[in-house]
């Protein structure tokens, strides 16, 4: 079937796009109608520019992996919120022994945080450092530093 269409187009003086050969030649000479990988009047290919590659940023050398842990063997859902995430909650994973944990890369600084255990806010029982929160309670306080390595 394609051979029949090609022969008919050739007899009628049409290219495969249904345009007359004269129209296609005029458009090529004027620079109109140039699509991807078409040729200009000078014979150069006009390829579309490729989109820039996006790279995943590698972890900053100025951040540290910090692991937050909480023993809550009877809990069904544990998340953590803090100033390091603008209080957006991040889930912790439960181990078989009932310890929940998450590791987060943080820049050096001091951060307020709390665990949300089955819809109840809880300070970190393993961290004695706390600061008052704006609601009359306490937040746990964690200071992150980058130690100098030899």
N, C-alpha and C. Protein backbone atom coordinates (compact mmCIF):
# COMPACT_ATOMS: atom_id res chain seq x y z
N UNK A 1 0.82 -1.19 0.00
CA UNK A 1 0.00 0.00 0.00
C UNK A 1 0.87 1.26 0.00
N UNK A 2 1.96 1.24 0.81
CA UNK A 2 2.85 2.41 0.86
C UNK A 2 3.48 2.67 -0.51
N UNK A 3 3.78 1.57 -1.26
CA UNK A 3 4.38 1.73 -2.58
C UNK A 3 3.41 2.42 -3.53
N UNK A 4 2.11 2.09 -3.40
CA UNK A 4 1.10 2.71 -4.25
C UNK A 4 1.02 4.19 -3.96
N UNK A 5 1.01 4.57 -2.66
CA UNK A 5 0.94 5.98 -2.27
C UNK A 5 2.18 6.72 -2.76
N UNK A 6 3.36 6.09 -2.64
CA UNK A 6 4.60 6.73 -3.08
C UNK A 6 4.58 6.96 -4.58
N UNK A 7 4.08 5.97 -5.36
CA UNK A 7 4.02 6.14 -6.81
C UNK A 7 3.02 7.22 -7.19
N UNK A 8 1.88 7.24 -6.49
CA UNK A 8 0.86 8.26 -6.78
C UNK A 8 1.40 9.64 -6.46
N UNK A 9 2.10 9.77 -5.31
CA UNK A 9 2.67 11.06 -4.93
C UNK A 9 3.71 11.50 -5.95
N UNK A 10 4.51 10.55 -6.43
CA UNK A 10 5.54 10.89 -7.41
C UNK A 10 4.90 11.39 -8.71
N UNK A 11 3.81 10.71 -9.13
CA UNK A 11 3.13 11.14 -10.36
C UNK A 11 2.53 12.53 -10.19
N UNK A 12 1.98 12.83 -9.00
CA UNK A 12 1.31 14.11 -8.79
C UNK A 12 2.29 15.21 -8.39
N UNK A 13 3.56 14.84 -8.21
CA UNK A 13 4.55 15.85 -7.84
C UNK A 13 4.46 16.25 -6.37
N UNK A 14 3.99 15.32 -5.52
CA UNK A 14 3.88 15.59 -4.09
C UNK A 14 4.95 14.83 -3.33
N UNK A 15 5.38 15.42 -2.23
CA UNK A 15 6.28 14.66 -1.36
C UNK A 15 5.42 13.82 -0.43
N UNK A 16 6.03 13.04 0.48
CA UNK A 16 5.29 12.15 1.37
C UNK A 16 4.42 12.91 2.35
N UNK A 17 4.68 14.16 2.60
CA UNK A 17 3.86 14.97 3.50
C UNK A 17 2.67 15.58 2.79
N UNK A 18 2.49 15.33 1.48
CA UNK A 18 1.36 15.85 0.76
C UNK A 18 1.60 17.24 0.18
N UNK A 19 2.82 17.77 0.34
CA UNK A 19 3.13 19.09 -0.21
C UNK A 19 3.72 18.91 -1.61
N UNK A 20 3.57 19.94 -2.44
CA UNK A 20 4.17 19.85 -3.77
C UNK A 20 5.68 20.00 -3.60
N UNK A 21 6.41 19.40 -4.51
CA UNK A 21 7.86 19.48 -4.44
C UNK A 21 8.32 20.93 -4.54
N UNK A 22 7.65 21.71 -5.35
CA UNK A 22 8.02 23.12 -5.51
C UNK A 22 7.85 23.87 -4.19
N UNK A 23 6.72 23.61 -3.44
CA UNK A 23 6.50 24.26 -2.14
C UNK A 23 7.59 23.87 -1.16
N UNK A 24 7.94 22.59 -1.16
CA UNK A 24 8.97 22.12 -0.23
C UNK A 24 10.31 22.78 -0.55
N UNK A 25 10.63 22.91 -1.83
CA UNK A 25 11.89 23.54 -2.24
C UNK A 25 11.91 25.01 -1.85
N UNK A 26 10.78 25.71 -2.07
CA UNK A 26 10.70 27.13 -1.71
C UNK A 26 10.85 27.31 -0.21
N UNK A 27 10.19 26.47 0.58
CA UNK A 27 10.29 26.56 2.04
C UNK A 27 11.71 26.28 2.52
N UNK A 28 12.39 25.34 1.87
CA UNK A 28 13.76 25.02 2.26
C UNK A 28 14.67 26.20 1.97
N UNK A 29 14.48 26.85 0.83
CA UNK A 29 15.33 27.98 0.48
C UNK A 29 15.07 29.18 1.38
N UNK A 30 13.82 29.35 1.81
CA UNK A 30 13.50 30.51 2.65
C UNK A 30 13.73 30.24 4.13
N UNK A 31 13.95 28.97 4.49
CA UNK A 31 14.17 28.64 5.90
C UNK A 31 12.88 28.33 6.63
N UNK A 32 11.73 28.36 5.92
CA UNK A 32 10.45 28.04 6.56
C UNK A 32 10.24 26.54 6.51
N UNK A 33 9.45 26.08 7.48
CA UNK A 33 9.06 24.68 7.46
C UNK A 33 10.18 23.73 7.82
N UNK A 34 11.19 24.23 8.50
CA UNK A 34 12.27 23.37 8.89
C UNK A 34 11.93 22.70 10.21
N UNK A 35 11.83 21.42 10.19
CA UNK A 35 11.53 20.68 11.41
C UNK A 35 12.79 20.04 11.95
N UNK A 36 12.58 19.15 12.91
CA UNK A 36 13.72 18.45 13.51
C UNK A 36 14.47 17.67 12.44
N UNK A 37 15.76 17.83 12.43
CA UNK A 37 16.65 17.13 11.53
C UNK A 37 16.40 17.40 10.05
N UNK A 38 15.73 18.50 9.71
CA UNK A 38 15.57 18.86 8.31
C UNK A 38 16.82 19.61 7.87
N UNK A 39 16.93 19.79 6.56
CA UNK A 39 18.11 20.49 6.06
C UNK A 39 17.72 21.88 5.60
N UNK A 40 18.61 22.82 5.88
CA UNK A 40 18.38 24.19 5.42
C UNK A 40 18.89 24.30 3.99
N UNK A 41 18.73 25.48 3.39
CA UNK A 41 19.18 25.70 2.01
C UNK A 41 20.68 25.51 1.89
N UNK A 42 21.42 25.72 3.00
CA UNK A 42 22.88 25.56 2.93
C UNK A 42 23.29 24.10 3.05
N UNK A 43 22.29 23.22 3.33
CA UNK A 43 22.62 21.81 3.42
C UNK A 43 22.96 21.36 4.83
N UNK A 44 22.95 22.26 5.80
CA UNK A 44 23.25 21.88 7.18
C UNK A 44 22.02 21.32 7.85
N UNK A 45 22.23 20.35 8.72
CA UNK A 45 21.12 19.78 9.47
C UNK A 45 20.74 20.74 10.59
N UNK A 46 19.44 20.89 10.80
CA UNK A 46 18.93 21.74 11.87
C UNK A 46 18.34 20.87 12.96
N UNK A 47 19.20 20.29 13.76
CA UNK A 47 18.73 19.43 14.84
C UNK A 47 18.24 20.28 16.00
N UNK A 48 17.20 19.79 16.66
CA UNK A 48 16.70 20.50 17.83
C UNK A 48 17.73 20.39 18.94
N UNK A 49 17.89 21.45 19.73
CA UNK A 49 18.85 21.36 20.83
C UNK A 49 18.36 20.35 21.85
N UNK A 50 19.29 19.64 22.44
CA UNK A 50 18.95 18.64 23.46
C UNK A 50 18.71 19.35 24.79
N UNK A 51 17.78 18.84 25.59
CA UNK A 51 17.58 19.44 26.90
C UNK A 51 18.81 19.19 27.77
N UNK A 52 19.07 20.12 28.65
CA UNK A 52 20.21 19.97 29.55
C UNK A 52 19.98 18.77 30.45
N UNK A 53 21.03 18.05 30.73
CA UNK A 53 20.91 16.90 31.63
C UNK A 53 20.77 17.42 33.06
N UNK A 54 19.91 16.76 33.79
CA UNK A 54 19.78 17.12 35.19
C UNK A 54 20.52 16.08 36.01
N UNK A 55 21.35 16.55 36.89
CA UNK A 55 22.13 15.66 37.73
C UNK A 55 21.55 15.67 39.14
N UNK A 56 21.58 14.53 39.75
CA UNK A 56 21.17 14.46 41.14
C UNK A 56 22.31 15.05 41.96
N UNK A 57 21.99 15.97 42.82
CA UNK A 57 23.06 16.53 43.63
C UNK A 57 23.64 15.47 44.56
N UNK A 58 24.94 15.42 44.63
CA UNK A 58 25.56 14.48 45.56
C UNK A 58 25.46 15.07 46.96
N UNK A 59 25.50 14.21 47.96
CA UNK A 59 25.43 14.74 49.32
C UNK A 59 26.54 15.76 49.55
N UNK A 60 26.16 16.86 50.14
CA UNK A 60 27.12 17.92 50.37
C UNK A 60 28.20 17.45 51.33
N UNK A 61 29.44 17.79 51.08
CA UNK A 61 30.50 17.41 52.02
C UNK A 61 30.33 18.14 53.35
N UNK A 62 29.43 19.11 53.39
CA UNK A 62 29.20 19.88 54.61
C UNK A 62 27.98 19.38 55.38
N UNK A 63 27.53 18.15 55.10
CA UNK A 63 26.43 17.57 55.84
C UNK A 63 26.89 16.28 56.52
N UNK A 64 26.13 15.87 57.51
CA UNK A 64 26.46 14.69 58.29
C UNK A 64 25.22 13.80 58.36
N UNK A 65 25.40 12.51 58.31
CA UNK A 65 24.29 11.58 58.51
C UNK A 65 24.01 11.49 60.00
N UNK A 66 22.78 11.81 60.38
CA UNK A 66 22.38 11.77 61.78
C UNK A 66 21.24 10.77 61.90
N UNK A 67 21.39 9.81 62.81
CA UNK A 67 20.36 8.81 63.02
C UNK A 67 19.58 9.14 64.30
N UNK A 68 18.27 9.19 64.15
CA UNK A 68 17.37 9.40 65.28
C UNK A 68 16.74 8.05 65.59
N UNK A 69 16.75 7.67 66.89
CA UNK A 69 16.20 6.39 67.32
C UNK A 69 15.23 6.59 68.47
N UNK A 70 14.23 5.73 68.52
CA UNK A 70 13.26 5.76 69.62
C UNK A 70 12.80 4.34 69.90
N UNK A 71 12.85 3.95 71.17
CA UNK A 71 12.32 2.65 71.56
C UNK A 71 10.84 2.81 71.84
N UNK A 72 10.01 2.16 71.01
CA UNK A 72 8.56 2.20 71.16
C UNK A 72 7.99 0.90 70.62
N UNK A 73 8.21 -0.21 71.36
CA UNK A 73 7.83 -1.52 70.84
C UNK A 73 6.33 -1.70 70.60
N UNK A 74 5.49 -0.96 71.29
CA UNK A 74 4.05 -1.11 71.11
C UNK A 74 3.45 -0.13 70.12
N UNK A 75 4.25 0.78 69.58
CA UNK A 75 3.75 1.79 68.65
C UNK A 75 3.44 1.18 67.30
N UNK A 76 2.47 1.79 66.61
CA UNK A 76 2.15 1.35 65.25
C UNK A 76 2.61 2.35 64.20
N UNK A 77 2.86 3.61 64.64
CA UNK A 77 3.28 4.65 63.69
C UNK A 77 4.17 5.65 64.42
N UNK A 78 5.39 5.84 63.91
CA UNK A 78 6.32 6.81 64.51
C UNK A 78 6.89 7.67 63.39
N UNK A 79 6.80 8.99 63.57
CA UNK A 79 7.39 9.94 62.64
C UNK A 79 8.21 10.94 63.46
N UNK A 80 8.99 11.75 62.77
CA UNK A 80 9.78 12.79 63.43
C UNK A 80 9.57 14.10 62.67
N UNK A 81 9.47 15.16 63.42
CA UNK A 81 9.39 16.49 62.84
C UNK A 81 10.38 17.38 63.55
N UNK A 82 10.89 18.36 62.84
CA UNK A 82 11.85 19.24 63.48
C UNK A 82 12.16 20.44 62.62
N UNK A 83 12.96 21.31 63.21
CA UNK A 83 13.34 22.53 62.49
C UNK A 83 14.19 22.21 61.26
N UNK A 84 14.81 21.04 61.22
CA UNK A 84 15.62 20.63 60.06
C UNK A 84 14.76 20.36 58.84
N UNK A 85 13.43 20.12 59.03
CA UNK A 85 12.54 19.85 57.91
C UNK A 85 11.36 20.81 57.88
N UNK A 86 11.51 21.93 58.58
CA UNK A 86 10.40 22.90 58.71
C UNK A 86 9.17 22.20 59.28
N UNK A 87 9.42 21.25 60.15
CA UNK A 87 8.41 20.48 60.88
C UNK A 87 7.58 19.57 59.99
N UNK A 88 8.03 19.32 58.77
CA UNK A 88 7.40 18.28 57.94
C UNK A 88 7.77 16.93 58.56
N UNK A 89 6.81 16.04 58.63
CA UNK A 89 7.02 14.75 59.29
C UNK A 89 7.70 13.76 58.36
N UNK A 90 8.64 13.01 58.94
CA UNK A 90 9.33 11.95 58.21
C UNK A 90 9.11 10.64 58.96
N UNK A 91 8.81 9.57 58.24
CA UNK A 91 8.55 8.29 58.93
C UNK A 91 9.83 7.63 59.41
N UNK A 92 9.72 6.91 60.53
CA UNK A 92 10.80 6.07 61.03
C UNK A 92 10.46 4.63 60.69
N UNK A 93 11.48 3.79 60.56
CA UNK A 93 11.28 2.37 60.28
C UNK A 93 11.45 1.58 61.57
N UNK A 94 10.57 0.61 61.74
CA UNK A 94 10.58 -0.21 62.95
C UNK A 94 11.42 -1.47 62.72
N UNK A 95 12.32 -1.73 63.68
CA UNK A 95 13.06 -2.98 63.68
C UNK A 95 12.29 -4.01 64.49
N UNK A 96 12.70 -5.25 64.41
CA UNK A 96 12.02 -6.32 65.15
C UNK A 96 12.06 -6.13 66.66
N UNK A 97 13.11 -5.47 67.12
CA UNK A 97 13.25 -5.28 68.58
C UNK A 97 12.46 -4.09 69.11
N UNK A 98 11.66 -3.43 68.24
CA UNK A 98 10.83 -2.31 68.69
C UNK A 98 11.52 -0.96 68.64
N UNK A 99 12.73 -0.91 68.13
CA UNK A 99 13.45 0.35 67.97
C UNK A 99 13.08 0.94 66.61
N UNK A 100 12.66 2.17 66.63
CA UNK A 100 12.32 2.90 65.40
C UNK A 100 13.48 3.82 65.08
N UNK A 101 13.83 3.97 63.79
CA UNK A 101 14.95 4.85 63.43
C UNK A 101 14.80 5.43 62.04
N UNK A 102 15.48 6.55 61.85
CA UNK A 102 15.60 7.20 60.54
C UNK A 102 16.94 7.92 60.52
N UNK A 103 17.59 7.92 59.35
CA UNK A 103 18.85 8.64 59.18
C UNK A 103 18.60 9.79 58.20
N UNK A 104 19.01 10.98 58.63
CA UNK A 104 18.79 12.20 57.85
C UNK A 104 20.11 12.93 57.70
N UNK A 105 20.40 13.45 56.51
CA UNK A 105 21.62 14.26 56.31
C UNK A 105 21.32 15.69 56.72
N UNK A 106 22.13 16.20 57.64
CA UNK A 106 21.92 17.55 58.16
C UNK A 106 23.20 18.37 58.07
N UNK A 107 23.03 19.65 57.82
CA UNK A 107 24.15 20.59 57.87
C UNK A 107 24.45 20.89 59.34
N UNK A 108 25.66 21.34 59.63
CA UNK A 108 25.96 21.71 61.01
C UNK A 108 24.99 22.77 61.52
N UNK A 109 24.59 22.63 62.77
CA UNK A 109 23.66 23.58 63.37
C UNK A 109 22.96 22.94 64.55
N UNK A 110 22.05 23.68 65.13
CA UNK A 110 21.27 23.19 66.27
C UNK A 110 19.81 23.11 65.85
N UNK A 111 19.18 21.98 66.14
CA UNK A 111 17.83 21.71 65.65
C UNK A 111 16.91 21.28 66.79
N UNK A 112 15.68 21.81 66.78
CA UNK A 112 14.61 21.34 67.65
C UNK A 112 13.93 20.19 66.94
N UNK A 113 13.46 19.18 67.70
CA UNK A 113 12.71 18.09 67.08
C UNK A 113 11.87 17.38 68.12
N UNK A 114 10.91 16.61 67.62
CA UNK A 114 10.07 15.76 68.45
C UNK A 114 9.61 14.57 67.64
N UNK A 115 9.33 13.47 68.35
CA UNK A 115 8.74 12.30 67.72
C UNK A 115 7.23 12.38 67.84
N UNK A 116 6.53 11.89 66.83
CA UNK A 116 5.08 11.76 66.89
C UNK A 116 4.79 10.26 66.91
N UNK A 117 4.39 9.78 68.10
CA UNK A 117 4.16 8.35 68.30
C UNK A 117 2.67 8.12 68.43
N UNK A 118 2.11 7.43 67.45
CA UNK A 118 0.66 7.17 67.44
C UNK A 118 -0.14 8.43 67.81
N UNK A 119 0.13 9.51 67.12
CA UNK A 119 -0.56 10.80 67.26
C UNK A 119 -0.30 11.53 68.58
N UNK A 120 0.76 11.16 69.29
CA UNK A 120 1.15 11.85 70.53
C UNK A 120 2.59 12.36 70.38
N UNK A 121 2.80 13.68 70.61
CA UNK A 121 4.13 14.25 70.53
C UNK A 121 4.95 13.81 71.74
N UNK A 122 6.19 13.37 71.49
CA UNK A 122 7.07 12.86 72.55
C UNK A 122 8.47 13.42 72.33
N UNK A 123 9.09 13.92 73.41
CA UNK A 123 10.50 14.32 73.30
C UNK A 123 11.35 13.05 73.29
N UNK A 124 12.60 13.21 72.90
CA UNK A 124 13.52 12.09 72.83
C UNK A 124 13.96 11.71 74.25
N UNK A 125 13.57 10.54 74.74
CA UNK A 125 13.92 10.16 76.11
C UNK A 125 15.42 9.91 76.30
N UNK A 126 16.14 9.70 75.21
CA UNK A 126 17.59 9.46 75.30
C UNK A 126 18.40 10.75 75.22
N UNK A 127 17.72 11.88 75.00
CA UNK A 127 18.41 13.17 74.85
C UNK A 127 17.95 14.11 75.96
N UNK A 128 18.85 14.45 76.88
CA UNK A 128 18.46 15.33 77.99
C UNK A 128 18.35 16.81 77.60
N UNK A 129 18.80 17.17 76.41
CA UNK A 129 18.79 18.57 75.98
C UNK A 129 17.43 18.94 75.39
N UNK A 130 16.76 19.90 76.03
CA UNK A 130 15.45 20.34 75.57
C UNK A 130 15.38 21.86 75.59
N UNK A 131 14.41 22.37 74.86
CA UNK A 131 14.11 23.80 74.85
C UNK A 131 12.59 23.95 74.88
N UNK A 132 12.08 25.06 75.41
CA UNK A 132 10.63 25.25 75.41
C UNK A 132 10.09 25.37 73.99
N UNK A 133 8.93 24.77 73.75
CA UNK A 133 8.27 24.93 72.46
C UNK A 133 7.22 26.03 72.58
N UNK A 134 6.68 26.52 71.49
CA UNK A 134 5.73 27.64 71.54
C UNK A 134 4.36 27.27 72.13
N UNK A 135 4.17 26.00 72.48
CA UNK A 135 2.87 25.56 72.98
C UNK A 135 2.90 25.22 74.47
N UNK A 136 3.96 25.62 75.16
CA UNK A 136 4.06 25.36 76.60
C UNK A 136 4.70 24.03 76.95
N UNK A 137 5.15 23.29 75.96
CA UNK A 137 5.82 22.01 76.20
C UNK A 137 7.32 22.13 75.96
N UNK A 138 7.94 21.03 75.63
CA UNK A 138 9.38 20.98 75.37
C UNK A 138 9.64 20.31 74.03
N UNK A 139 10.71 20.74 73.39
CA UNK A 139 11.25 20.07 72.20
C UNK A 139 12.62 19.53 72.55
N UNK A 140 13.00 18.43 71.94
CA UNK A 140 14.37 17.93 72.08
C UNK A 140 15.27 18.83 71.24
N UNK A 141 16.53 18.92 71.65
CA UNK A 141 17.49 19.79 70.97
C UNK A 141 18.70 18.96 70.57
N UNK A 142 19.07 19.05 69.31
CA UNK A 142 20.22 18.29 68.81
C UNK A 142 21.17 19.24 68.10
N UNK A 143 22.45 19.20 68.48
CA UNK A 143 23.47 20.01 67.83
C UNK A 143 24.31 19.09 66.95
N UNK A 144 24.44 19.49 65.68
CA UNK A 144 25.18 18.71 64.69
C UNK A 144 26.46 19.45 64.38
N UNK A 145 27.58 18.74 64.46
CA UNK A 145 28.87 19.34 64.11
C UNK A 145 29.59 18.41 63.12
N UNK A 146 30.49 18.97 62.37
CA UNK A 146 31.35 18.18 61.50
C UNK A 146 32.69 18.11 62.19
N UNK A 147 33.04 16.89 62.59
CA UNK A 147 34.32 16.73 63.29
C UNK A 147 35.45 16.76 62.27
N UNK A 148 36.56 17.31 62.69
CA UNK A 148 37.74 17.36 61.83
C UNK A 148 38.35 15.96 61.77
N UNK A 149 38.50 15.43 60.56
CA UNK A 149 39.09 14.12 60.40
C UNK A 149 40.51 14.26 59.87
N UNK A 150 41.44 13.46 60.39
CA UNK A 150 42.83 13.56 59.92
C UNK A 150 42.99 13.14 58.49
